[in-house]
Amino acid sequence: MNPNLINWTLQNINLQLKWVTPPMDIRQAISQIKALPPLPGTAMRILNLNNDPNADTAKLAEIIEMDPLLTAQIIRWSTSSLYGYRGKVTTVYDAITRVLGFNFVLDLALGLSVLAPLKSPKEGPIGTYVFWIHALCSTRFMKHLFDRMPDKSPLNQQEVFLAGLMHNIGFPLLGHQFPDEFARLCALIQANPSLSIFNLETFSFGVNHSETGAWLMNAWSMPRSITNVIYHHHNPYYRGENHHLNLLTFLSDCLLSKIDIGDAKNQNCPDEVWEVLGLEETGCQEILDKLNEDLDKISEMAEMLIS
């Protein structure tokens, strides 16, 4: 399609018109997929451990150490400059007890193992390098936003971490299942930097990363709270189950876009989001400024994860 025609079409089309057929409609192709990448055995064992009342550090370390790549990632994570630990970490048990903590490693190992089977291109505006920068920024930023909320009762800190890490999983799924369409979307994003990525992909394919990501989470029987956020995280007016977690994710994306992180550029944040979460913009901006100072370290960690 001629680039000028692309720009004209995207600027004038009403994305709410259900009868408009996307130029590269992949909805039928998606419906014909017989099998998604299976949920890795490690992820299943971690999910089971999460529901085990007798779960402890030794059991978690044992599960992780059955996967050599995951083991290396956890140990490297614990020795990252982001955490400033100067001692020697040689085992997963050390990483848990000395640096990261049980719940953090459980969530991190689950997220890393879930994402492992998705072989998506590294480069591009939604490639895995950018995906990981956004995911890592989100996990750190959302934790600080959560800490500032006056009423934390509607939220669970573990779910906050997983939502930050996995809410854009639809992008690597697209790259894994539809590499040609993924490349076209990257080119379209680069040709239209002022337009919403969410609207671009909906216009182009008839679906978006929120829908495909939730589809994968349902297929893998992942926690309902995470599936809800993946599906609704671009919708600040969703008020169903887990809507506080969804609003926190939405707000995080809006604020991260101010430092050119993520896919929420030009996404407006209604005043109601701040009111429901009980957060103030000034305090959140201070957290964002501090995060921006650590961006080089976060980028290094993202590079490590895709290497």
C-alpha atoms as a PDB file:
ATOM      1  CA  MET A   1       0.000   0.000   0.000  1.00  0.00           C
ATOM      2  CA  ASN A   2       1.298   3.465  -0.871  1.00  0.00           C
ATOM      3  CA  PRO A   3       2.577   5.224   2.320  1.00  0.00           C
ATOM      4  CA  ASN A   4       0.525   8.353   1.553  1.00  0.00           C
ATOM      5  CA  LEU A   5      -2.585   6.228   1.173  1.00  0.00           C
ATOM      6  CA  ILE A   6      -1.809   4.493   4.473  1.00  0.00           C
ATOM      7  CA  ASN A   7      -1.587   7.810   6.293  1.00  0.00           C
ATOM      8  CA  TRP A   8      -4.750   9.191   4.691  1.00  0.00           C
ATOM      9  CA  THR A   9      -6.709   6.015   5.453  1.00  0.00           C
ATOM     10  CA  LEU A  10      -5.587   5.785   9.064  1.00  0.00           C
ATOM     11  CA  GLN A  11      -6.360   9.433   9.722  1.00  0.00           C
ATOM     12  CA  ASN A  12      -9.866   9.221   8.312  1.00  0.00           C
ATOM     13  CA  ILE A  13     -11.146   5.756   9.142  1.00  0.00           C
ATOM     14  CA  ASN A  14     -13.570   5.275  12.030  1.00  0.00           C
ATOM     15  CA  LEU A  15     -12.257   2.238  13.886  1.00  0.00           C
ATOM     16  CA  GLN A  16     -15.657   1.722  15.507  1.00  0.00           C
ATOM     17  CA  LEU A  17     -17.263   0.804  12.186  1.00  0.00           C
ATOM     18  CA  LYS A  18     -17.666  -2.937  12.474  1.00  0.00           C
ATOM     19  CA  TRP A  19     -18.273  -3.396   8.754  1.00  0.00           C
ATOM     20  CA  VAL A  20     -14.847  -2.085   7.738  1.00  0.00           C
ATOM     21  CA  THR A  21     -12.645  -4.976   6.621  1.00  0.00           C
ATOM     22  CA  PRO A  22      -8.994  -4.597   7.703  1.00  0.00           C
ATOM     23  CA  PRO A  23      -6.519  -4.601   4.788  1.00  0.00           C
ATOM     24  CA  MET A  24      -4.693  -7.661   6.196  1.00  0.00           C
ATOM     25  CA  ASP A  25      -7.443  -9.398   8.143  1.00  0.00           C
ATOM     26  CA  ILE A  26      -5.877 -12.253  10.151  1.00  0.00           C
ATOM     27  CA  ARG A  27      -8.931 -13.101  12.225  1.00  0.00           C
ATOM     28  CA  GLN A  28      -9.750 -16.123  10.085  1.00  0.00           C
ATOM     29  CA  ALA A  29      -6.143 -17.302  10.175  1.00  0.00           C
ATOM     30  CA  ILE A  30      -6.205 -17.063  13.964  1.00  0.00           C
ATOM     31  CA  SER A  31      -9.442 -19.029  14.172  1.00  0.00           C
ATOM     32  CA  GLN A  32      -7.868 -21.828  12.127  1.00  0.00           C
ATOM     33  CA  ILE A  33      -4.811 -22.268  14.350  1.00  0.00           C
ATOM     34  CA  LYS A  34      -5.069 -25.761  15.779  1.00  0.00           C
ATOM     35  CA  ALA A  35      -2.499 -25.477  18.540  1.00  0.00           C
ATOM     36  CA  LEU A  36      -0.677 -22.702  20.337  1.00  0.00           C
ATOM     37  CA  PRO A  37       2.816 -23.154  21.778  1.00  0.00           C
ATOM     38  CA  PRO A  38       2.307 -25.401  24.822  1.00  0.00           C
ATOM     39  CA  LEU A  39       2.679 -23.940  28.287  1.00  0.00           C
ATOM     40  CA  PRO A  40       6.221 -24.910  29.333  1.00  0.00           C
ATOM     41  CA  GLY A  41       6.488 -27.602  31.985  1.00  0.00           C
ATOM     42  CA  THR A  42       8.458 -25.229  34.219  1.00  0.00           C
ATOM     43  CA  ALA A  43       5.649 -22.684  34.147  1.00  0.00           C
ATOM     44  CA  MET A  44       3.105 -25.359  35.027  1.00  0.00           C
ATOM     45  CA  ARG A  45       5.201 -26.534  37.971  1.00  0.00           C
ATOM     46  CA  ILE A  46       5.590 -22.950  39.218  1.00  0.00           C
ATOM     47  CA  LEU A  47       1.824 -22.396  38.967  1.00  0.00           C
ATOM     48  CA  ASN A  48       1.265 -25.567  40.984  1.00  0.00           C
ATOM     49  CA  LEU A  49       3.840 -24.445  43.560  1.00  0.00           C
ATOM     50  CA  ASN A  50       2.063 -21.100  43.873  1.00  0.00           C
ATOM     51  CA  ASN A  51      -1.027 -22.998  45.017  1.00  0.00           C
ATOM     52  CA  ASP A  52       0.933 -25.233  47.404  1.00  0.00           C
ATOM     53  CA  PRO A  53       0.530 -24.173  51.074  1.00  0.00           C
ATOM     54  CA  ASN A  54       3.857 -25.883  51.834  1.00  0.00           C
ATOM     55  CA  ALA A  55       5.805 -24.046  49.139  1.00  0.00           C
ATOM     56  CA  ASP A  56       9.241 -22.908  50.242  1.00  0.00           C
ATOM     57  CA  THR A  57      12.508 -21.584  48.848  1.00  0.00           C
ATOM     58  CA  ALA A  58      14.071 -25.024  48.423  1.00  0.00           C
ATOM     59  CA  LYS A  59      11.122 -26.289  46.342  1.00  0.00           C
ATOM     60  CA  LEU A  60      11.155 -23.191  44.141  1.00  0.00           C
ATOM     61  CA  ALA A  61      14.912 -23.408  43.589  1.00  0.00           C
ATOM     62  CA  GLU A  62      14.577 -27.089  42.703  1.00  0.00           C
ATOM     63  CA  ILE A  63      11.958 -26.361  40.022  1.00  0.00           C
ATOM     64  CA  ILE A  64      13.975 -23.530  38.495  1.00  0.00           C
ATOM     65  CA  GLU A  65      17.200 -25.523  38.450  1.00  0.00           C
ATOM     66  CA  MET A  66      15.523 -28.170  36.279  1.00  0.00           C
ATOM     67  CA  ASP A  67      15.707 -25.526  33.518  1.00  0.00           C
ATOM     68  CA  PRO A  68      19.349 -24.495  32.862  1.00  0.00           C
ATOM     69  CA  LEU A  69      18.434 -21.378  30.853  1.00  0.00           C
ATOM     70  CA  LEU A  70      15.992 -20.144  33.471  1.00  0.00           C
ATOM     71  CA  THR A  71      18.562 -20.842  36.174  1.00  0.00           C
ATOM     72  CA  ALA A  72      21.136 -18.699  34.376  1.00  0.00           C
ATOM     73  CA  GLN A  73      18.617 -15.886  33.908  1.00  0.00           C
ATOM     74  CA  ILE A  74      17.639 -15.819  37.595  1.00  0.00           C
ATOM     75  CA  ILE A  75      21.265 -15.790  38.768  1.00  0.00           C
ATOM     76  CA  ARG A  76      22.220 -13.099  36.249  1.00  0.00           C
ATOM     77  CA  TRP A  77      19.195 -11.079  37.310  1.00  0.00           C
ATOM     78  CA  SER A  78      20.276 -11.175  40.947  1.00  0.00           C
ATOM     79  CA  THR A  79      23.761  -9.915  40.036  1.00  0.00           C
ATOM     80  CA  SER A  80      22.439  -7.060  37.887  1.00  0.00           C
ATOM     81  CA  SER A  81      23.622  -3.557  38.726  1.00  0.00           C
ATOM     82  CA  LEU A  82      19.967  -2.676  39.342  1.00  0.00           C
ATOM     83  CA  TYR A  83      20.128  -4.518  42.678  1.00  0.00           C
ATOM     84  CA  GLY A  84      23.649  -3.545  43.708  1.00  0.00           C
ATOM     85  CA  TYR A  85      24.431  -6.823  45.468  1.00  0.00           C
ATOM     86  CA  ARG A  86      28.214  -7.140  45.785  1.00  0.00           C
ATOM     87  CA  GLY A  87      28.399 -10.680  47.082  1.00  0.00           C
ATOM     88  CA  LYS A  88      28.774 -13.858  45.042  1.00  0.00           C
ATOM     89  CA  VAL A  89      25.632 -15.647  43.802  1.00  0.00           C
ATOM     90  CA  THR A  90      26.202 -19.142  42.426  1.00  0.00           C
ATOM     91  CA  THR A  91      22.849 -20.877  42.980  1.00  0.00           C
ATOM     92  CA  VAL A  92      19.164 -20.073  42.597  1.00  0.00           C
ATOM     93  CA  TYR A  93      18.812 -20.582  46.341  1.00  0.00           C
ATOM     94  CA  ASP A  94      21.389 -17.834  46.901  1.00  0.00           C
ATOM     95  CA  ALA A  95      19.566 -15.529  44.469  1.00  0.00           C
ATOM     96  CA  ILE A  96      16.307 -16.029  46.372  1.00  0.00           C
ATOM     97  CA  THR A  97      17.594 -15.777  49.936  1.00  0.00           C
ATOM     98  CA  ARG A  98      20.297 -13.134  49.513  1.00  0.00           C
ATOM     99  CA  VAL A  99      18.943 -10.765  46.871  1.00  0.00           C
ATOM    100  CA  LEU A 100      15.523 -11.169  45.266  1.00  0.00           C
ATOM    101  CA  GLY A 101      13.173 -12.869  47.710  1.00  0.00           C
ATOM    102  CA  PHE A 102      10.772 -15.785  47.319  1.00  0.00           C
ATOM    103  CA  ASN A 103       7.707 -14.042  45.840  1.00  0.00           C
ATOM    104  CA  PHE A 104       9.748 -11.971  43.402  1.00  0.00           C
ATOM    105  CA  VAL A 105      11.605 -15.015  42.049  1.00  0.00           C
ATOM    106  CA  LEU A 106       8.406 -17.051  41.844  1.00  0.00           C
ATOM    107  CA  ASP A 107       6.740 -14.330  39.738  1.00  0.00           C
ATOM    108  CA  LEU A 108       9.866 -13.687  37.691  1.00  0.00           C
ATOM    109  CA  ALA A 109      10.431 -17.367  36.945  1.00  0.00           C
ATOM    110  CA  LEU A 110       6.788 -17.773  35.935  1.00  0.00           C
ATOM    111  CA  GLY A 111       6.961 -14.784  33.593  1.00  0.00           C
ATOM    112  CA  LEU A 112      10.265 -15.820  32.026  1.00  0.00           C
ATOM    113  CA  SER A 113       9.162 -19.421  31.508  1.00  0.00           C
ATOM    114  CA  VAL A 114       5.814 -18.359  29.997  1.00  0.00           C
ATOM    115  CA  LEU A 115       7.561 -16.065  27.506  1.00  0.00           C
ATOM    116  CA  ALA A 116      10.307 -18.550  26.604  1.00  0.00           C
ATOM    117  CA  PRO A 117       8.473 -20.489  23.843  1.00  0.00           C
ATOM    118  CA  LEU A 118       7.516 -17.347  21.893  1.00  0.00           C
ATOM    119  CA  LYS A 119      10.194 -16.851  19.239  1.00  0.00           C
ATOM    120  CA  SER A 120       9.581 -13.316  18.060  1.00  0.00           C
ATOM    121  CA  PRO A 121      11.942 -10.924  16.190  1.00  0.00           C
ATOM    122  CA  LYS A 122      14.273  -8.983  18.472  1.00  0.00           C
ATOM    123  CA  GLU A 123      14.345  -5.732  16.524  1.00  0.00           C
ATOM    124  CA  GLY A 124      11.632  -3.206  15.661  1.00  0.00           C
ATOM    125  CA  PRO A 125       9.259  -0.951  17.625  1.00  0.00           C
ATOM    126  CA  ILE A 126       7.452  -3.979  19.103  1.00  0.00           C
ATOM    127  CA  GLY A 127      10.343  -6.471  18.953  1.00  0.00           C
ATOM    128  CA  THR A 128      11.435  -8.437  22.004  1.00  0.00           C
ATOM    129  CA  TYR A 129      14.152  -5.928  22.962  1.00  0.00           C
ATOM    130  CA  VAL A 130      11.610  -3.099  23.223  1.00  0.00           C
ATOM    131  CA  PHE A 131       9.103  -5.515  24.780  1.00  0.00           C
ATOM    132  CA  TRP A 132      11.532  -6.366  27.593  1.00  0.00           C
ATOM    133  CA  ILE A 133      12.470  -2.742  28.247  1.00  0.00           C
ATOM    134  CA  HIS A 134       8.778  -1.938  28.639  1.00  0.00           C
ATOM    135  CA  ALA A 135       8.121  -5.039  30.765  1.00  0.00           C
ATOM    136  CA  LEU A 136      11.045  -4.340  33.106  1.00  0.00           C
ATOM    137  CA  CYS A 137      10.122  -0.676  33.452  1.00  0.00           C
ATOM    138  CA  SER A 138       6.511  -1.651  34.127  1.00  0.00           C
ATOM    139  CA  THR A 139       7.350  -4.116  36.909  1.00  0.00           C
ATOM    140  CA  ARG A 140       9.504  -1.550  38.728  1.00  0.00           C
ATOM    141  CA  PHE A 141       7.228   1.431  38.112  1.00  0.00           C
ATOM    142  CA  MET A 142       3.981  -0.347  39.005  1.00  0.00           C
ATOM    143  CA  LYS A 143       5.478  -1.577  42.283  1.00  0.00           C
ATOM    144  CA  HIS A 144       6.288   2.014  43.294  1.00  0.00           C
ATOM    145  CA  LEU A 145       2.834   3.210  42.215  1.00  0.00           C
ATOM    146  CA  PHE A 146       1.295   0.378  44.242  1.00  0.00           C
ATOM    147  CA  ASP A 147       3.344   1.394  47.302  1.00  0.00           C
ATOM    148  CA  ARG A 148       1.941   4.941  47.049  1.00  0.00           C
ATOM    149  CA  MET A 149      -1.706   3.890  46.841  1.00  0.00           C
ATOM    150  CA  PRO A 150      -3.570   4.819  50.035  1.00  0.00           C
ATOM    151  CA  ASP A 151      -5.798   1.744  49.757  1.00  0.00           C
ATOM    152  CA  LYS A 152      -3.904  -1.324  48.552  1.00  0.00           C
ATOM    153  CA  SER A 153      -6.600  -3.828  49.517  1.00  0.00           C
ATOM    154  CA  PRO A 154      -8.052  -4.333  46.001  1.00  0.00           C
ATOM    155  CA  LEU A 155      -4.611  -5.395  44.731  1.00  0.00           C
ATOM    156  CA  ASN A 156      -2.125  -8.198  45.275  1.00  0.00           C
ATOM    157  CA  GLN A 157       1.566  -7.338  44.918  1.00  0.00           C
ATOM    158  CA  GLN A 158       2.332 -10.578  43.062  1.00  0.00           C
ATOM    159  CA  GLU A 159      -0.383  -9.801  40.531  1.00  0.00           C
ATOM    160  CA  VAL A 160       0.998  -6.280  40.105  1.00  0.00           C
ATOM    161  CA  PHE A 161       4.374  -7.720  39.129  1.00  0.00           C
ATOM    162  CA  LEU A 162       2.929 -10.253  36.692  1.00  0.00           C
ATOM    163  CA  ALA A 163       0.626  -7.677  35.101  1.00  0.00           C
ATOM    164  CA  GLY A 164       3.578  -5.382  34.491  1.00  0.00           C
ATOM    165  CA  LEU A 165       5.678  -8.183  33.070  1.00  0.00           C
ATOM    166  CA  MET A 166       3.108  -9.856  30.839  1.00  0.00           C
ATOM    167  CA  HIS A 167       0.389  -7.383  29.795  1.00  0.00           C
ATOM    168  CA  ASN A 168       1.877  -6.945  26.300  1.00  0.00           C
ATOM    169  CA  ILE A 169       2.492 -10.640  25.644  1.00  0.00           C
ATOM    170  CA  GLY A 170       0.307 -10.332  22.531  1.00  0.00           C
ATOM    171  CA  PHE A 171       3.203  -8.662  20.684  1.00  0.00           C
ATOM    172  CA  PRO A 172       5.662 -11.589  20.941  1.00  0.00           C
ATOM    173  CA  LEU A 173       2.766 -13.945  20.197  1.00  0.00           C
ATOM    174  CA  LEU A 174       2.079 -12.039  16.967  1.00  0.00           C
ATOM    175  CA  GLY A 175       5.758 -12.221  16.032  1.00  0.00           C
ATOM    176  CA  HIS A 176       5.822 -15.937  16.798  1.00  0.00           C
ATOM    177  CA  GLN A 177       2.669 -16.943  14.920  1.00  0.00           C
ATOM    178  CA  PHE A 178       2.613 -14.323  12.140  1.00  0.00           C
ATOM    179  CA  PRO A 179       6.133 -13.056  11.399  1.00  0.00           C
ATOM    180  CA  ASP A 180       5.168 -11.461   8.051  1.00  0.00           C
ATOM    181  CA  GLU A 181       2.286  -9.519   9.564  1.00  0.00           C
ATOM    182  CA  PHE A 182       4.515  -8.597  12.502  1.00  0.00           C
ATOM    183  CA  ALA A 183       7.060  -7.088  10.078  1.00  0.00           C
ATOM    184  CA  ARG A 184       4.309  -5.168   8.274  1.00  0.00           C
ATOM    185  CA  LEU A 185       3.007  -3.761  11.550  1.00  0.00           C
ATOM    186  CA  CYS A 186       6.513  -2.651  12.555  1.00  0.00           C
ATOM    187  CA  ALA A 187       6.853  -0.825   9.235  1.00  0.00           C
ATOM    188  CA  LEU A 188       3.431   0.749   9.661  1.00  0.00           C
ATOM    189  CA  ILE A 189       4.308   1.962  13.181  1.00  0.00           C
ATOM    190  CA  GLN A 190       7.548   3.484  11.941  1.00  0.00           C
ATOM    191  CA  ALA A 191       5.743   5.216   9.049  1.00  0.00           C
ATOM    192  CA  ASN A 192       3.061   6.659  11.373  1.00  0.00           C
ATOM    193  CA  PRO A 193       4.815   7.623  14.642  1.00  0.00           C
ATOM    194  CA  SER A 194       2.039   9.992  15.728  1.00  0.00           C
ATOM    195  CA  LEU A 195      -0.683   7.320  15.628  1.00  0.00           C
ATOM    196  CA  SER A 196      -1.712   4.843  18.312  1.00  0.00           C
ATOM    197  CA  ILE A 197      -0.136   1.395  17.914  1.00  0.00           C
ATOM    198  CA  PHE A 198      -3.313  -0.135  19.348  1.00  0.00           C
ATOM    199  CA  ASN A 199      -5.423   1.512  16.618  1.00  0.00           C
ATOM    200  CA  LEU A 200      -2.868   0.720  13.911  1.00  0.00           C
ATOM    201  CA  GLU A 201      -2.926  -3.014  14.608  1.00  0.00           C
ATOM    202  CA  THR A 202      -6.718  -3.103  14.971  1.00  0.00           C
ATOM    203  CA  PHE A 203      -7.082  -1.317  11.634  1.00  0.00           C
ATOM    204  CA  SER A 204      -4.457  -3.493   9.955  1.00  0.00           C
ATOM    205  CA  PHE A 205      -5.454  -6.952  11.197  1.00  0.00           C
ATOM    206  CA  GLY A 206      -8.908  -6.767  12.756  1.00  0.00           C
ATOM    207  CA  VAL A 207      -7.388  -7.824  16.097  1.00  0.00           C
ATOM    208  CA  ASN A 208      -4.886  -6.339  18.530  1.00  0.00           C
ATOM    209  CA  HIS A 209      -2.293  -7.554  21.014  1.00  0.00           C
ATOM    210  CA  SER A 210      -4.765  -7.310  23.908  1.00  0.00           C
ATOM    211  CA  GLU A 211      -7.076  -9.842  22.254  1.00  0.00           C
ATOM    212  CA  THR A 212      -4.362 -12.243  21.102  1.00  0.00           C
ATOM    213  CA  GLY A 213      -2.552 -12.061  24.437  1.00  0.00           C
ATOM    214  CA  ALA A 214      -5.716 -12.874  26.387  1.00  0.00           C
ATOM    215  CA  TRP A 215      -6.430 -15.702  23.967  1.00  0.00           C
ATOM    216  CA  LEU A 216      -3.037 -17.241  24.784  1.00  0.00           C
ATOM    217  CA  MET A 217      -3.517 -16.778  28.542  1.00  0.00           C
ATOM    218  CA  ASN A 218      -6.913 -18.491  28.387  1.00  0.00           C
ATOM    219  CA  ALA A 219      -5.429 -21.366  26.419  1.00  0.00           C
ATOM    220  CA  TRP A 220      -2.771 -21.767  29.105  1.00  0.00           C
ATOM    221  CA  SER A 221      -5.239 -21.415  32.007  1.00  0.00           C
ATOM    222  CA  MET A 222      -3.211 -18.572  33.498  1.00  0.00           C
ATOM    223  CA  PRO A 223      -4.610 -16.598  36.484  1.00  0.00           C
ATOM    224  CA  ARG A 224      -7.830 -14.818  35.600  1.00  0.00           C
ATOM    225  CA  SER A 225      -6.588 -11.525  37.027  1.00  0.00           C
ATOM    226  CA  ILE A 226      -3.700 -11.428  34.535  1.00  0.00           C
ATOM    227  CA  THR A 227      -5.897 -12.456  31.609  1.00  0.00           C
ATOM    228  CA  ASN A 228      -8.327  -9.636  32.436  1.00  0.00           C
ATOM    229  CA  VAL A 229      -5.554  -7.044  32.480  1.00  0.00           C
ATOM    230  CA  ILE A 230      -4.025  -8.291  29.235  1.00  0.00           C
ATOM    231  CA  TYR A 231      -7.406  -7.969  27.535  1.00  0.00           C
ATOM    232  CA  HIS A 232      -8.479  -4.605  29.001  1.00  0.00           C
ATOM    233  CA  HIS A 233      -5.238  -2.699  29.669  1.00  0.00           C
ATOM    234  CA  HIS A 234      -5.939  -0.071  26.972  1.00  0.00           C
ATOM    235  CA  ASN A 235      -9.428   0.565  28.366  1.00  0.00           C
ATOM    236  CA  PRO A 236      -9.562   2.950  31.376  1.00  0.00           C
ATOM    237  CA  TYR A 237     -13.350   2.566  31.620  1.00  0.00           C
ATOM    238  CA  TYR A 238     -13.389  -1.171  32.313  1.00  0.00           C
ATOM    239  CA  ARG A 239     -14.980  -1.726  35.723  1.00  0.00           C
ATOM    240  CA  GLY A 240     -15.304  -5.482  35.875  1.00  0.00           C
ATOM    241  CA  GLU A 241     -13.267  -8.009  37.829  1.00  0.00           C
ATOM    242  CA  ASN A 242      -9.696  -6.882  38.679  1.00  0.00           C
ATOM    243  CA  HIS A 243     -10.354  -3.365  37.375  1.00  0.00           C
ATOM    244  CA  HIS A 244      -8.016  -1.750  39.943  1.00  0.00           C
ATOM    245  CA  LEU A 245      -5.120  -3.815  38.588  1.00  0.00           C
ATOM    246  CA  ASN A 246      -6.168  -2.872  35.077  1.00  0.00           C
ATOM    247  CA  LEU A 247      -6.246   0.841  35.947  1.00  0.00           C
ATOM    248  CA  LEU A 248      -2.803   0.640  37.555  1.00  0.00           C
ATOM    249  CA  THR A 249      -1.446  -0.969  34.381  1.00  0.00           C
ATOM    250  CA  PHE A 250      -3.164   1.637  32.209  1.00  0.00           C
ATOM    251  CA  LEU A 251      -1.775   4.508  34.288  1.00  0.00           C
ATOM    252  CA  SER A 252       1.712   3.015  34.242  1.00  0.00           C
ATOM    253  CA  ASP A 253       1.624   2.747  30.449  1.00  0.00           C
ATOM    254  CA  CYS A 254       0.418   6.348  30.089  1.00  0.00           C
ATOM    255  CA  LEU A 255       3.208   7.677  32.300  1.00  0.00           C
ATOM    256  CA  LEU A 256       5.936   5.504  30.765  1.00  0.00           C
ATOM    257  CA  SER A 257       4.994   6.850  27.345  1.00  0.00           C
ATOM    258  CA  LYS A 258       6.240  10.253  28.573  1.00  0.00           C
ATOM    259  CA  ILE A 259       9.780   8.849  28.488  1.00  0.00           C
ATOM    260  CA  ASP A 260       9.134   7.039  25.175  1.00  0.00           C
ATOM    261  CA  ILE A 261       8.641   3.620  26.752  1.00  0.00           C
ATOM    262  CA  GLY A 262       5.842   1.301  25.650  1.00  0.00           C
ATOM    263  CA  ASP A 263       2.927   1.507  23.242  1.00  0.00           C
ATOM    264  CA  ALA A 264       0.680   4.105  24.912  1.00  0.00           C
ATOM    265  CA  LYS A 265       1.903   7.208  23.095  1.00  0.00           C
ATOM    266  CA  ASN A 266      -0.906   9.767  22.690  1.00  0.00           C
ATOM    267  CA  GLN A 267      -3.109   7.742  25.067  1.00  0.00           C
ATOM    268  CA  ASN A 268      -5.085  10.097  27.307  1.00  0.00           C
ATOM    269  CA  CYS A 269      -5.471   9.278  30.986  1.00  0.00           C
ATOM    270  CA  PRO A 270      -8.889  10.297  32.381  1.00  0.00           C
ATOM    271  CA  ASP A 271      -8.965  12.052  35.757  1.00  0.00           C
ATOM    272  CA  GLU A 272     -11.094   9.200  37.063  1.00  0.00           C
ATOM    273  CA  VAL A 273      -8.095   6.835  36.867  1.00  0.00           C
ATOM    274  CA  TRP A 274      -6.136   8.969  39.326  1.00  0.00           C
ATOM    275  CA  GLU A 275      -9.175   9.278  41.601  1.00  0.00           C
ATOM    276  CA  VAL A 276      -9.956   5.549  41.743  1.00  0.00           C
ATOM    277  CA  LEU A 277      -6.328   4.661  42.517  1.00  0.00           C
ATOM    278  CA  GLY A 278      -5.907   7.538  44.971  1.00  0.00           C
ATOM    279  CA  LEU A 279      -2.675   8.690  43.334  1.00  0.00           C
ATOM    280  CA  GLU A 280      -1.361  12.185  42.658  1.00  0.00           C
ATOM    281  CA  GLU A 281       0.448  13.161  39.487  1.00  0.00           C
ATOM    282  CA  THR A 282       3.287  15.019  41.223  1.00  0.00           C
ATOM    283  CA  GLY A 283       4.360  12.029  43.291  1.00  0.00           C
ATOM    284  CA  CYS A 284       4.125   9.679  40.337  1.00  0.00           C
ATOM    285  CA  GLN A 285       6.239  12.032  38.227  1.00  0.00           C
ATOM    286  CA  GLU A 286       8.997  11.843  40.852  1.00  0.00           C
ATOM    287  CA  ILE A 287       9.005   8.054  40.578  1.00  0.00           C
ATOM    288  CA  LEU A 288       9.090   8.299  36.780  1.00  0.00           C
ATOM    289  CA  ASP A 289      12.073  10.648  36.886  1.00  0.00           C
ATOM    290  CA  LYS A 290      13.982   8.197  39.092  1.00  0.00           C
ATOM    291  CA  LEU A 291      13.125   5.328  36.775  1.00  0.00           C
ATOM    292  CA  ASN A 292      14.378   7.329  33.825  1.00  0.00           C
ATOM    293  CA  GLU A 293      17.749   7.634  35.548  1.00  0.00           C
ATOM    294  CA  ASP A 294      17.987   3.817  35.647  1.00  0.00           C
ATOM    295  CA  LEU A 295      16.974   3.341  32.020  1.00  0.00           C
ATOM    296  CA  ASP A 296      20.484   2.437  30.831  1.00  0.00           C
ATOM    297  CA  LYS A 297      20.691  -0.367  33.416  1.00  0.00           C
ATOM    298  CA  ILE A 298      17.221  -1.606  32.463  1.00  0.00           C
ATOM    299  CA  SER A 299      18.195  -1.606  28.779  1.00  0.00           C
ATOM    300  CA  GLU A 300      21.286  -3.657  29.628  1.00  0.00           C
ATOM    301  CA  MET A 301      19.114  -6.199  31.411  1.00  0.00           C
ATOM    302  CA  ALA A 302      16.749  -6.367  28.423  1.00  0.00           C
ATOM    303  CA  GLU A 303      19.721  -7.016  26.163  1.00  0.00           C
ATOM    304  CA  MET A 304      20.844  -9.773  28.508  1.00  0.00           C
ATOM    305  CA  LEU A 305      17.419 -11.429  28.412  1.00  0.00           C
ATOM    306  CA  ILE A 306      17.294 -11.636  24.618  1.00  0.00           C
ATOM    307  CA  SER A 307      20.934 -12.586  24.116  1.00  0.00           C
END
